[in-house]
Each structure stands twice: as C-alpha cells, then as structure tokens.
Amino acid sequence: MTFAPQRIRVGHSPDPDDAFMFHALTNHKIDTGPLAFEHELVDIETLNRRAFAGELELTAVSLHAYAHLTDKYILCPCGASMGDRYGPMLIARDPWPLKDFREATIAVPGTLTTAYLALRMCLGPEFQEVVVPFDQIIEVVETGEFEGRPIDAGLIIHEGQLTYGDRGLKLIVDTGEWWYQETGLPLPLGANAIRRDLGPELIREVNRLLLASIKYGLEHRAEALEYALQWGRDLDRDRADKFVGMYVNDWTLDFGPRGRQAVTELLARGHEAGVIPTAVVPEFVA
C-alpha cells in the first residue's frame, strides 16, 4: 500500500536500550518511505501520562500504563522490554528482610510503571510511595530523604540495576526473579504501542519499521551500541552492552506465545491485586 507523507511522532526513554532499539529509525539507517519519524526522549512515567492524551503516534509505554490506554493504543508485537528472571529492584541502605518494607516509604519512578505494579503485588498495599525521577532514586536512597520526606528504600529501573552496588546499597528484592518464582514467566515491563486512529494499514507499516529498526541494531551491534552509550549514565562500554542485552534481545523481536501469556498474566494479577481497576485483555498488532 502507498502511504501519503506523514509525520510519526515517537516517544521513548533516554536510556541505552531504547536508544539501541531506535538507532536505525533515529539515524536514518532504514528507508521509511513517506513516513517521517520525529523522536522525543522522555522518561517513561512522563510518556505513560502523555499517552492518555494520545499525543504520540508511536510511544514506549509501561505495561501497567497500557491497562488504562486500550481505547487509544494497540501493542506492537515487537519492541518489548522483558525481565527474564531479573527486573526492577528494591534497594536500601541496610539489608533488612523484605517483610520489613511492607509499611516503608519507598521512592518509586512513577505509579504507572510496571515496576510499581510489580512491587505492589510483591509487598502489598501498605507501603507509602514517593515519586522520584528514575535517575535520582539511587541518590535519594543514599541520603535517606527527598524534598524533606524520609526515604527507606528505592525502586530502581534502567541501568541502576547494574550500578547500585557501586554505592554500597543492598538488594532487597528483584521483582523479575520474584515474578518468575510466582508464575514461571518473564516479567513484561515495557512495550511500544501505536495509536489506534492511524488505521490498520498504517499501524502495520509503523510496526514493520519498528521491527526493522530493532533488527538493524541487533545486526549492527557495535554501531548501535556506540550510539546508545550517549545515554549510559555511569555505564562503561561493557556494562552498557550487558544492559542492552538484558532488554533488547529475542523477546524484543517478538513477544511470542510465552511473552503474550506473561502480559496477560501480569494484567490479570494486577487487577486481582486491586492495582489495575478493570480487567484487561491485551491486544497486539496483527
């Protein structure tokens, strides 16, 4: 099908895995025909909240947030960030037992993140969250306060999962491993979603180009990694490569049956736990 010239606004996080995934689209390594992709690099919680207004045609989104957005967006089968026995981590200054944090004050990267959903399911409803920019959480845990509020622990995402130990902080629970022990499944953290009003043909074309960008990165790893290092806060090249490998891999090429099962299970259990208000069945681009 021939498409009219059109701007496709893309939102993704300023971190190495998303930069790696979108390298080919950002830097014109693949032919997008009449579609002009414009990229906005914004933290995931901001993208989650902007998605309620449907501002972006293609956006990274937390699976937790997607549960509130099914009327506006459909999930891409590619572009997933899956935690396969690893994921967002609860860290603290002292290695207390997990149960001691059930009524703690915890710095979180946003209440629509999947990290927050997983922690609510893991700890229960009693802890008090304080929303802190994701790249400040390690520092906030170190100092024990944020804007005058005491902080007992922090929920870290992105590259902090590889660097928190450098600061002498302790792992309390890895939600990806906790989820695996509960379900036997990987933890689906993030996805890419396309706005429904683009129509089925354009939706499929945008999804095709996203998949081509991911494949390009995996096939030109050194080149894509060099680009992604611009967002590798506190990561050397080896750690950046490890981090990218954690979240851009075969799962990212396609959720596959097991990945789709994991998304369905996450949304169902989130609803059962009372964190997601309505039951949601995920829908993927055909």
C-alpha atoms as a PDB file:
ATOM      1  CA  MET A   1       0.000   0.000   0.000  1.00  0.00           C
ATOM      2  CA  THR A   2       1.186   3.531  -0.799  1.00  0.00           C
ATOM      3  CA  PHE A   3       1.053   5.978   2.106  1.00  0.00           C
ATOM      4  CA  ALA A   4       0.752   9.735   1.982  1.00  0.00           C
ATOM      5  CA  PRO A   5       3.609  11.696   3.559  1.00  0.00           C
ATOM      6  CA  GLN A   6       3.035  11.777   7.296  1.00  0.00           C
ATOM      7  CA  ARG A   7       4.839  12.677  10.492  1.00  0.00           C
ATOM      8  CA  ILE A   8       5.105   9.860  13.048  1.00  0.00           C
ATOM      9  CA  ARG A   9       5.985  11.231  16.461  1.00  0.00           C
ATOM     10  CA  VAL A  10       7.843   8.679  18.559  1.00  0.00           C
ATOM     11  CA  GLY A  11       8.392   8.761  22.313  1.00  0.00           C
ATOM     12  CA  HIS A  12      10.959   6.639  24.103  1.00  0.00           C
ATOM     13  CA  SER A  13      13.145   6.796  27.180  1.00  0.00           C
ATOM     14  CA  PRO A  14      16.622   8.396  27.270  1.00  0.00           C
ATOM     15  CA  ASP A  15      18.407   5.179  28.187  1.00  0.00           C
ATOM     16  CA  PRO A  16      20.710   2.785  26.334  1.00  0.00           C
ATOM     17  CA  ASP A  17      18.247   0.029  25.495  1.00  0.00           C
ATOM     18  CA  ASP A  18      15.676   2.333  23.885  1.00  0.00           C
ATOM     19  CA  ALA A  19      18.400   4.283  22.084  1.00  0.00           C
ATOM     20  CA  PHE A  20      19.795   0.995  20.750  1.00  0.00           C
ATOM     21  CA  MET A  21      16.340  -0.105  19.615  1.00  0.00           C
ATOM     22  CA  PHE A  22      15.559   3.163  17.822  1.00  0.00           C
ATOM     23  CA  HIS A  23      19.059   3.848  16.428  1.00  0.00           C
ATOM     24  CA  ALA A  24      18.168   2.887  12.863  1.00  0.00           C
ATOM     25  CA  LEU A  25      14.985   4.977  12.832  1.00  0.00           C
ATOM     26  CA  THR A  26      16.640   7.949  14.519  1.00  0.00           C
ATOM     27  CA  ASN A  27      19.708   7.992  12.309  1.00  0.00           C
ATOM     28  CA  HIS A  28      18.031   7.129   9.009  1.00  0.00           C
ATOM     29  CA  LYS A  29      19.604   3.710   8.589  1.00  0.00           C
ATOM     30  CA  ILE A  30      16.427   2.255   7.079  1.00  0.00           C
ATOM     31  CA  ASP A  31      14.098   3.540   4.386  1.00  0.00           C
ATOM     32  CA  THR A  32      10.863   4.814   5.902  1.00  0.00           C
ATOM     33  CA  GLY A  33       9.359   5.964   2.618  1.00  0.00           C
ATOM     34  CA  PRO A  34       6.922   8.867   3.054  1.00  0.00           C
ATOM     35  CA  LEU A  35       6.816   8.477   6.846  1.00  0.00           C
ATOM     36  CA  ALA A  36       8.940  10.997   8.761  1.00  0.00           C
ATOM     37  CA  PHE A  37       9.778   9.805  12.269  1.00  0.00           C
ATOM     38  CA  GLU A  38      10.341  12.507  14.876  1.00  0.00           C
ATOM     39  CA  HIS A  39      11.767  11.326  18.185  1.00  0.00           C
ATOM     40  CA  GLU A  40      11.153  12.669  21.675  1.00  0.00           C
ATOM     41  CA  LEU A  41      13.289  11.286  24.506  1.00  0.00           C
ATOM     42  CA  VAL A  42      11.315  11.457  27.743  1.00  0.00           C
ATOM     43  CA  ASP A  43      11.280   9.400  30.940  1.00  0.00           C
ATOM     44  CA  ILE A  44       8.837   6.511  30.907  1.00  0.00           C
ATOM     45  CA  GLU A  45       6.432   7.863  33.529  1.00  0.00           C
ATOM     46  CA  THR A  46       6.028  11.088  31.536  1.00  0.00           C
ATOM     47  CA  LEU A  47       5.373   9.032  28.399  1.00  0.00           C
ATOM     48  CA  ASN A  48       2.821   6.959  30.298  1.00  0.00           C
ATOM     49  CA  ARG A  49       0.924  10.055  31.333  1.00  0.00           C
ATOM     50  CA  ARG A  50       1.165  11.760  27.943  1.00  0.00           C
ATOM     51  CA  ALA A  51      -0.325   8.651  26.340  1.00  0.00           C
ATOM     52  CA  PHE A  52      -3.672   9.417  27.992  1.00  0.00           C
ATOM     53  CA  ALA A  53      -3.937  12.392  25.628  1.00  0.00           C
ATOM     54  CA  GLY A  54      -2.774  10.316  22.643  1.00  0.00           C
ATOM     55  CA  GLU A  55      -0.113  12.873  21.736  1.00  0.00           C
ATOM     56  CA  LEU A  56       2.287  10.450  20.053  1.00  0.00           C
ATOM     57  CA  GLU A  57       1.611   8.079  17.188  1.00  0.00           C
ATOM     58  CA  LEU A  58       4.189   5.560  18.486  1.00  0.00           C
ATOM     59  CA  THR A  59       5.231   5.512  22.109  1.00  0.00           C
ATOM     60  CA  ALA A  60       7.079   3.409  24.623  1.00  0.00           C
ATOM     61  CA  VAL A  61       4.670   2.560  27.417  1.00  0.00           C
ATOM     62  CA  SER A  62       4.740   0.578  30.635  1.00  0.00           C
ATOM     63  CA  LEU A  63       2.505  -2.493  30.533  1.00  0.00           C
ATOM     64  CA  HIS A  64       0.885  -1.179  33.714  1.00  0.00           C
ATOM     65  CA  ALA A  65       0.005   2.086  31.963  1.00  0.00           C
ATOM     66  CA  TYR A  66      -1.236   0.201  28.897  1.00  0.00           C
ATOM     67  CA  ALA A  67      -4.023  -1.249  31.065  1.00  0.00           C
ATOM     68  CA  HIS A  68      -5.505   2.275  31.140  1.00  0.00           C
ATOM     69  CA  LEU A  69      -4.920   3.042  27.458  1.00  0.00           C
ATOM     70  CA  THR A  70      -6.531   0.220  25.495  1.00  0.00           C
ATOM     71  CA  ASP A  71      -9.052   2.591  23.909  1.00  0.00           C
ATOM     72  CA  LYS A  72      -6.263   4.685  22.375  1.00  0.00           C
ATOM     73  CA  TYR A  73      -3.327   2.344  21.712  1.00  0.00           C
ATOM     74  CA  ILE A  74      -2.603  -1.162  20.475  1.00  0.00           C
ATOM     75  CA  LEU A  75       0.557  -3.068  21.443  1.00  0.00           C
ATOM     76  CA  CYS A  76       3.317  -3.803  18.960  1.00  0.00           C
ATOM     77  CA  PRO A  77       4.393  -7.448  18.987  1.00  0.00           C
ATOM     78  CA  CYS A  78       7.983  -6.162  18.769  1.00  0.00           C
ATOM     79  CA  GLY A  79       9.773  -3.680  20.999  1.00  0.00           C
ATOM     80  CA  ALA A  80       9.204  -5.427  24.325  1.00  0.00           C
ATOM     81  CA  SER A  81      11.384  -4.982  27.389  1.00  0.00           C
ATOM     82  CA  MET A  82      11.187  -8.264  29.275  1.00  0.00           C
ATOM     83  CA  GLY A  83      12.844  -9.133  32.567  1.00  0.00           C
ATOM     84  CA  ASP A  84      13.702 -12.815  32.240  1.00  0.00           C
ATOM     85  CA  ARG A  85      14.337 -13.594  35.944  1.00  0.00           C
ATOM     86  CA  TYR A  86      15.539 -10.022  36.503  1.00  0.00           C
ATOM     87  CA  GLY A  87      13.859  -6.658  36.593  1.00  0.00           C
ATOM     88  CA  PRO A  88      13.222  -3.578  38.736  1.00  0.00           C
ATOM     89  CA  MET A  89      14.909  -3.852  42.105  1.00  0.00           C
ATOM     90  CA  LEU A  90      14.012  -2.696  45.583  1.00  0.00           C
ATOM     91  CA  ILE A  91      17.214  -1.438  47.212  1.00  0.00           C
ATOM     92  CA  ALA A  92      18.025   0.047  50.607  1.00  0.00           C
ATOM     93  CA  ARG A  93      20.925   1.166  52.751  1.00  0.00           C
ATOM     94  CA  ASP A  94      20.599  -1.852  55.047  1.00  0.00           C
ATOM     95  CA  PRO A  95      19.688  -5.447  54.119  1.00  0.00           C
ATOM     96  CA  TRP A  96      16.535  -5.811  56.195  1.00  0.00           C
ATOM     97  CA  PRO A  97      14.110  -8.675  55.456  1.00  0.00           C
ATOM     98  CA  LEU A  98      11.570  -7.982  52.707  1.00  0.00           C
ATOM     99  CA  LYS A  99       8.666  -8.043  55.174  1.00  0.00           C
ATOM    100  CA  ASP A 100      10.142  -5.033  56.970  1.00  0.00           C
ATOM    101  CA  PHE A 101       9.425  -2.874  53.906  1.00  0.00           C
ATOM    102  CA  ARG A 102       5.689  -3.571  53.734  1.00  0.00           C
ATOM    103  CA  GLU A 103       4.946  -0.306  55.528  1.00  0.00           C
ATOM    104  CA  ALA A 104       8.053   1.577  54.429  1.00  0.00           C
ATOM    105  CA  THR A 105       8.343   4.832  52.496  1.00  0.00           C
ATOM    106  CA  ILE A 106       9.727   3.903  49.093  1.00  0.00           C
ATOM    107  CA  ALA A 107      10.979   6.098  46.250  1.00  0.00           C
ATOM    108  CA  VAL A 108       9.400   4.887  43.001  1.00  0.00           C
ATOM    109  CA  PRO A 109       9.891   6.024  39.373  1.00  0.00           C
ATOM    110  CA  GLY A 110       6.162   6.538  38.808  1.00  0.00           C
ATOM    111  CA  THR A 111       2.872   4.955  39.778  1.00  0.00           C
ATOM    112  CA  LEU A 112       2.055   3.881  36.209  1.00  0.00           C
ATOM    113  CA  THR A 113       5.315   1.998  35.741  1.00  0.00           C
ATOM    114  CA  THR A 114       5.278  -1.784  35.679  1.00  0.00           C
ATOM    115  CA  ALA A 115       7.967  -1.627  38.357  1.00  0.00           C
ATOM    116  CA  TYR A 116       5.427  -0.035  40.701  1.00  0.00           C
ATOM    117  CA  LEU A 117       2.764  -2.579  39.781  1.00  0.00           C
ATOM    118  CA  ALA A 118       5.159  -5.464  40.448  1.00  0.00           C
ATOM    119  CA  LEU A 119       6.205  -4.024  43.801  1.00  0.00           C
ATOM    120  CA  ARG A 120       2.588  -3.517  44.860  1.00  0.00           C
ATOM    121  CA  MET A 121       1.849  -7.149  44.038  1.00  0.00           C
ATOM    122  CA  CYS A 122       5.002  -8.271  45.847  1.00  0.00           C
ATOM    123  CA  LEU A 123       4.732  -6.143  49.021  1.00  0.00           C
ATOM    124  CA  GLY A 124       1.012  -5.452  49.259  1.00  0.00           C
ATOM    125  CA  PRO A 125      -0.875  -2.167  49.607  1.00  0.00           C
ATOM    126  CA  GLU A 126       0.587  -0.716  52.783  1.00  0.00           C
ATOM    127  CA  PHE A 127       3.854   0.914  51.704  1.00  0.00           C
ATOM    128  CA  GLN A 128       3.926   4.650  51.015  1.00  0.00           C
ATOM    129  CA  GLU A 129       5.310   5.657  47.631  1.00  0.00           C
ATOM    130  CA  VAL A 130       7.137   8.877  46.849  1.00  0.00           C
ATOM    131  CA  VAL A 131       7.527   9.554  43.131  1.00  0.00           C
ATOM    132  CA  VAL A 132      11.127  10.463  42.298  1.00  0.00           C
ATOM    133  CA  PRO A 133      12.756  10.865  38.847  1.00  0.00           C
ATOM    134  CA  PHE A 134      14.180   7.464  37.963  1.00  0.00           C
ATOM    135  CA  ASP A 135      17.752   8.748  37.629  1.00  0.00           C
ATOM    136  CA  GLN A 136      17.691  10.263  41.149  1.00  0.00           C
ATOM    137  CA  ILE A 137      16.447   7.258  43.108  1.00  0.00           C
ATOM    138  CA  ILE A 138      19.858   5.802  43.980  1.00  0.00           C
ATOM    139  CA  GLU A 139      20.994   9.173  45.342  1.00  0.00           C
ATOM    140  CA  VAL A 140      17.751   9.579  47.296  1.00  0.00           C
ATOM    141  CA  VAL A 141      18.207   6.159  48.913  1.00  0.00           C
ATOM    142  CA  GLU A 142      21.772   7.088  49.834  1.00  0.00           C
ATOM    143  CA  THR A 143      20.748  10.344  51.518  1.00  0.00           C
ATOM    144  CA  GLY A 144      17.565   8.916  53.034  1.00  0.00           C
ATOM    145  CA  GLU A 145      15.332  11.817  52.071  1.00  0.00           C
ATOM    146  CA  PHE A 146      13.635  13.530  49.140  1.00  0.00           C
ATOM    147  CA  GLU A 147      12.278  17.059  49.365  1.00  0.00           C
ATOM    148  CA  GLY A 148      12.117  16.781  53.135  1.00  0.00           C
ATOM    149  CA  ARG A 149      10.442  13.361  53.206  1.00  0.00           C
ATOM    150  CA  PRO A 150      12.295  10.394  54.744  1.00  0.00           C
ATOM    151  CA  ILE A 151      13.033   7.552  52.330  1.00  0.00           C
ATOM    152  CA  ASP A 152      13.546   3.973  53.497  1.00  0.00           C
ATOM    153  CA  ALA A 153      14.187   2.303  50.138  1.00  0.00           C
ATOM    154  CA  GLY A 154      14.034   2.837  46.395  1.00  0.00           C
ATOM    155  CA  LEU A 155      12.685   1.006  43.378  1.00  0.00           C
ATOM    156  CA  ILE A 156      15.260   1.214  40.591  1.00  0.00           C
ATOM    157  CA  ILE A 157      14.840   0.706  36.863  1.00  0.00           C
ATOM    158  CA  HIS A 158      17.128   1.083  33.850  1.00  0.00           C
ATOM    159  CA  GLU A 159      20.899   0.987  34.329  1.00  0.00           C
ATOM    160  CA  GLY A 160      20.663   1.460  38.099  1.00  0.00           C
ATOM    161  CA  GLN A 161      20.104  -2.297  38.224  1.00  0.00           C
ATOM    162  CA  LEU A 162      23.816  -2.692  37.368  1.00  0.00           C
ATOM    163  CA  THR A 163      25.275   0.179  39.394  1.00  0.00           C
ATOM    164  CA  TYR A 164      23.530   0.334  42.786  1.00  0.00           C
ATOM    165  CA  GLY A 165      26.147  -1.956  44.373  1.00  0.00           C
ATOM    166  CA  ASP A 166      28.907   0.523  43.492  1.00  0.00           C
ATOM    167  CA  ARG A 167      27.291   2.871  46.014  1.00  0.00           C
ATOM    168  CA  GLY A 168      27.183   0.302  48.812  1.00  0.00           C
ATOM    169  CA  LEU A 169      23.428  -0.179  48.601  1.00  0.00           C
ATOM    170  CA  LYS A 170      21.742  -3.534  49.230  1.00  0.00           C
ATOM    171  CA  LEU A 171      19.298  -5.532  47.147  1.00  0.00           C
ATOM    172  CA  ILE A 172      16.087  -6.339  48.999  1.00  0.00           C
ATOM    173  CA  VAL A 173      14.149  -7.997  46.159  1.00  0.00           C
ATOM    174  CA  ASP A 174      14.468  -8.313  42.398  1.00  0.00           C
ATOM    175  CA  THR A 175      10.874  -8.144  41.172  1.00  0.00           C
ATOM    176  CA  GLY A 176      11.745 -10.044  37.998  1.00  0.00           C
ATOM    177  CA  GLU A 177      13.001 -13.005  39.985  1.00  0.00           C
ATOM    178  CA  TRP A 178      10.054 -12.707  42.400  1.00  0.00           C
ATOM    179  CA  TRP A 179       7.629 -12.749  39.463  1.00  0.00           C
ATOM    180  CA  TYR A 180       9.337 -15.812  37.964  1.00  0.00           C
ATOM    181  CA  GLN A 181       9.037 -17.676  41.263  1.00  0.00           C
ATOM    182  CA  GLU A 182       5.332 -16.775  41.365  1.00  0.00           C
ATOM    183  CA  THR A 183       4.457 -17.552  37.752  1.00  0.00           C
ATOM    184  CA  GLY A 184       7.323 -19.257  35.924  1.00  0.00           C
ATOM    185  CA  LEU A 185       7.153 -16.407  33.383  1.00  0.00           C
ATOM    186  CA  PRO A 186       9.335 -13.451  32.405  1.00  0.00           C
ATOM    187  CA  LEU A 187       8.218 -10.070  33.724  1.00  0.00           C
ATOM    188  CA  PRO A 188       6.916  -7.891  30.847  1.00  0.00           C
ATOM    189  CA  LEU A 189       7.956  -4.372  31.761  1.00  0.00           C
ATOM    190  CA  GLY A 190       7.592  -2.144  28.737  1.00  0.00           C
ATOM    191  CA  ALA A 191       6.272  -2.238  25.213  1.00  0.00           C
ATOM    192  CA  ASN A 192       5.743   0.013  22.252  1.00  0.00           C
ATOM    193  CA  ALA A 193       2.223   0.991  21.331  1.00  0.00           C
ATOM    194  CA  ILE A 194       0.698   2.564  18.235  1.00  0.00           C
ATOM    195  CA  ARG A 195      -2.260   4.921  18.269  1.00  0.00           C
ATOM    196  CA  ARG A 196      -5.362   3.167  17.022  1.00  0.00           C
ATOM    197  CA  ASP A 197      -6.676   6.052  14.935  1.00  0.00           C
ATOM    198  CA  LEU A 198      -3.860   5.606  12.398  1.00  0.00           C
ATOM    199  CA  GLY A 199      -5.883   2.780  10.891  1.00  0.00           C
ATOM    200  CA  PRO A 200      -4.866  -0.846  10.329  1.00  0.00           C
ATOM    201  CA  GLU A 201      -2.633  -0.399   7.255  1.00  0.00           C
ATOM    202  CA  LEU A 202      -0.551   2.423   8.696  1.00  0.00           C
ATOM    203  CA  ILE A 203      -0.381   0.671  12.060  1.00  0.00           C
ATOM    204  CA  ARG A 204       1.108  -2.400  10.367  1.00  0.00           C
ATOM    205  CA  GLU A 205       3.614  -0.263   8.461  1.00  0.00           C
ATOM    206  CA  VAL A 206       4.798   1.570  11.591  1.00  0.00           C
ATOM    207  CA  ASN A 207       5.139  -1.774  13.360  1.00  0.00           C
ATOM    208  CA  ARG A 208       7.131  -3.151  10.394  1.00  0.00           C
ATOM    209  CA  LEU A 209       9.540  -0.223  10.518  1.00  0.00           C
ATOM    210  CA  LEU A 210       9.989  -0.532  14.277  1.00  0.00           C
ATOM    211  CA  LEU A 211      10.857  -4.208  13.843  1.00  0.00           C
ATOM    212  CA  ALA A 212      13.312  -3.303  11.073  1.00  0.00           C
ATOM    213  CA  SER A 213      14.998  -0.808  13.422  1.00  0.00           C
ATOM    214  CA  ILE A 214      15.352  -3.417  16.176  1.00  0.00           C
ATOM    215  CA  LYS A 215      16.766  -5.967  13.722  1.00  0.00           C
ATOM    216  CA  TYR A 216      19.218  -3.398  12.389  1.00  0.00           C
ATOM    217  CA  GLY A 217      20.520  -2.696  15.882  1.00  0.00           C
ATOM    218  CA  LEU A 218      20.978  -6.377  16.682  1.00  0.00           C
ATOM    219  CA  GLU A 219      22.717  -6.977  13.330  1.00  0.00           C
ATOM    220  CA  HIS A 220      24.974  -3.900  13.704  1.00  0.00           C
ATOM    221  CA  ARG A 221      25.543  -4.188  17.428  1.00  0.00           C
ATOM    222  CA  ALA A 222      28.797  -2.225  17.756  1.00  0.00           C
ATOM    223  CA  GLU A 223      27.408   0.690  15.750  1.00  0.00           C
ATOM    224  CA  ALA A 224      24.110   0.799  17.637  1.00  0.00           C
ATOM    225  CA  LEU A 225      25.864   0.433  20.984  1.00  0.00           C
ATOM    226  CA  GLU A 226      28.174   3.337  20.201  1.00  0.00           C
ATOM    227  CA  TYR A 227      25.104   5.496  19.648  1.00  0.00           C
ATOM    228  CA  ALA A 228      23.358   4.164  22.764  1.00  0.00           C
ATOM    229  CA  LEU A 229      26.357   4.947  25.008  1.00  0.00           C
ATOM    230  CA  GLN A 230      25.326   8.613  24.965  1.00  0.00           C
ATOM    231  CA  TRP A 231      22.632   7.645  27.474  1.00  0.00           C
ATOM    232  CA  GLY A 232      24.677   5.166  29.515  1.00  0.00           C
ATOM    233  CA  ARG A 233      24.724   7.031  32.802  1.00  0.00           C
ATOM    234  CA  ASP A 234      27.585   5.584  34.918  1.00  0.00           C
ATOM    235  CA  LEU A 235      27.998   2.661  32.492  1.00  0.00           C
ATOM    236  CA  ASP A 236      31.230   1.770  30.733  1.00  0.00           C
ATOM    237  CA  ARG A 237      31.001   0.059  27.356  1.00  0.00           C
ATOM    238  CA  ASP A 238      30.941  -3.471  28.788  1.00  0.00           C
ATOM    239  CA  ARG A 239      28.173  -2.681  31.246  1.00  0.00           C
ATOM    240  CA  ALA A 240      26.209  -0.805  28.595  1.00  0.00           C
ATOM    241  CA  ASP A 241      26.483  -3.825  26.321  1.00  0.00           C
ATOM    242  CA  LYS A 242      25.280  -6.072  29.133  1.00  0.00           C
ATOM    243  CA  PHE A 243      22.373  -3.772  29.916  1.00  0.00           C
ATOM    244  CA  VAL A 244      21.304  -3.557  26.275  1.00  0.00           C
ATOM    245  CA  GLY A 245      21.471  -7.347  26.060  1.00  0.00           C
ATOM    246  CA  MET A 246      19.153  -7.626  29.051  1.00  0.00           C
ATOM    247  CA  TYR A 247      16.395  -5.637  27.389  1.00  0.00           C
ATOM    248  CA  VAL A 248      16.982  -5.825  23.610  1.00  0.00           C
ATOM    249  CA  ASN A 249      17.025  -9.475  22.571  1.00  0.00           C
ATOM    250  CA  ASP A 250      14.803 -12.188  21.115  1.00  0.00           C
ATOM    251  CA  TRP A 251      11.922 -11.033  23.333  1.00  0.00           C
ATOM    252  CA  THR A 252      12.233  -7.618  21.684  1.00  0.00           C
ATOM    253  CA  LEU A 253      11.870  -9.072  18.197  1.00  0.00           C
ATOM    254  CA  ASP A 254       8.568 -10.669  19.203  1.00  0.00           C
ATOM    255  CA  PHE A 255       6.735 -11.284  22.458  1.00  0.00           C
ATOM    256  CA  GLY A 256       5.958 -14.776  21.219  1.00  0.00           C
ATOM    257  CA  PRO A 257       3.331 -17.004  22.861  1.00  0.00           C
ATOM    258  CA  ARG A 258       5.105 -17.085  26.241  1.00  0.00           C
ATOM    259  CA  GLY A 259       5.622 -13.337  26.282  1.00  0.00           C
ATOM    260  CA  ARG A 260       1.990 -12.709  25.422  1.00  0.00           C
ATOM    261  CA  GLN A 261       0.991 -15.112  28.171  1.00  0.00           C
ATOM    262  CA  ALA A 262       3.169 -13.109  30.559  1.00  0.00           C
ATOM    263  CA  VAL A 263       1.443  -9.847  29.597  1.00  0.00           C
ATOM    264  CA  THR A 264      -1.987 -11.415  30.061  1.00  0.00           C
ATOM    265  CA  GLU A 265      -0.974 -12.831  33.451  1.00  0.00           C
ATOM    266  CA  LEU A 266       0.527  -9.530  34.611  1.00  0.00           C
ATOM    267  CA  LEU A 267      -2.615  -7.575  33.780  1.00  0.00           C
ATOM    268  CA  ALA A 268      -4.892 -10.216  35.310  1.00  0.00           C
ATOM    269  CA  ARG A 269      -2.907 -10.400  38.555  1.00  0.00           C
ATOM    270  CA  GLY A 270      -2.646  -6.614  38.705  1.00  0.00           C
ATOM    271  CA  HIS A 271      -6.423  -6.443  38.535  1.00  0.00           C
ATOM    272  CA  GLU A 272      -6.840  -9.167  41.156  1.00  0.00           C
ATOM    273  CA  ALA A 273      -4.497  -7.218  43.448  1.00  0.00           C
ATOM    274  CA  GLY A 274      -6.633  -4.099  43.049  1.00  0.00           C
ATOM    275  CA  VAL A 275      -3.889  -2.044  41.395  1.00  0.00           C
ATOM    276  CA  ILE A 276      -5.441  -2.145  37.909  1.00  0.00           C
ATOM    277  CA  PRO A 277      -9.083  -1.048  38.193  1.00  0.00           C
ATOM    278  CA  THR A 278     -10.589  -3.058  35.327  1.00  0.00           C
ATOM    279  CA  ALA A 279      -9.850  -6.423  33.758  1.00  0.00           C
ATOM    280  CA  VAL A 280      -7.827  -6.007  30.553  1.00  0.00           C
ATOM    281  CA  VAL A 281      -7.112  -8.427  27.723  1.00  0.00           C
ATOM    282  CA  PRO A 282      -4.047  -7.200  25.763  1.00  0.00           C
ATOM    283  CA  GLU A 283      -4.383  -6.646  22.029  1.00  0.00           C
ATOM    284  CA  PHE A 284      -1.444  -6.805  19.634  1.00  0.00           C
ATOM    285  CA  VAL A 285      -0.955  -5.560  16.084  1.00  0.00           C
ATOM    286  CA  ALA A 286      -1.788  -8.409  13.710  1.00  0.00           C
END
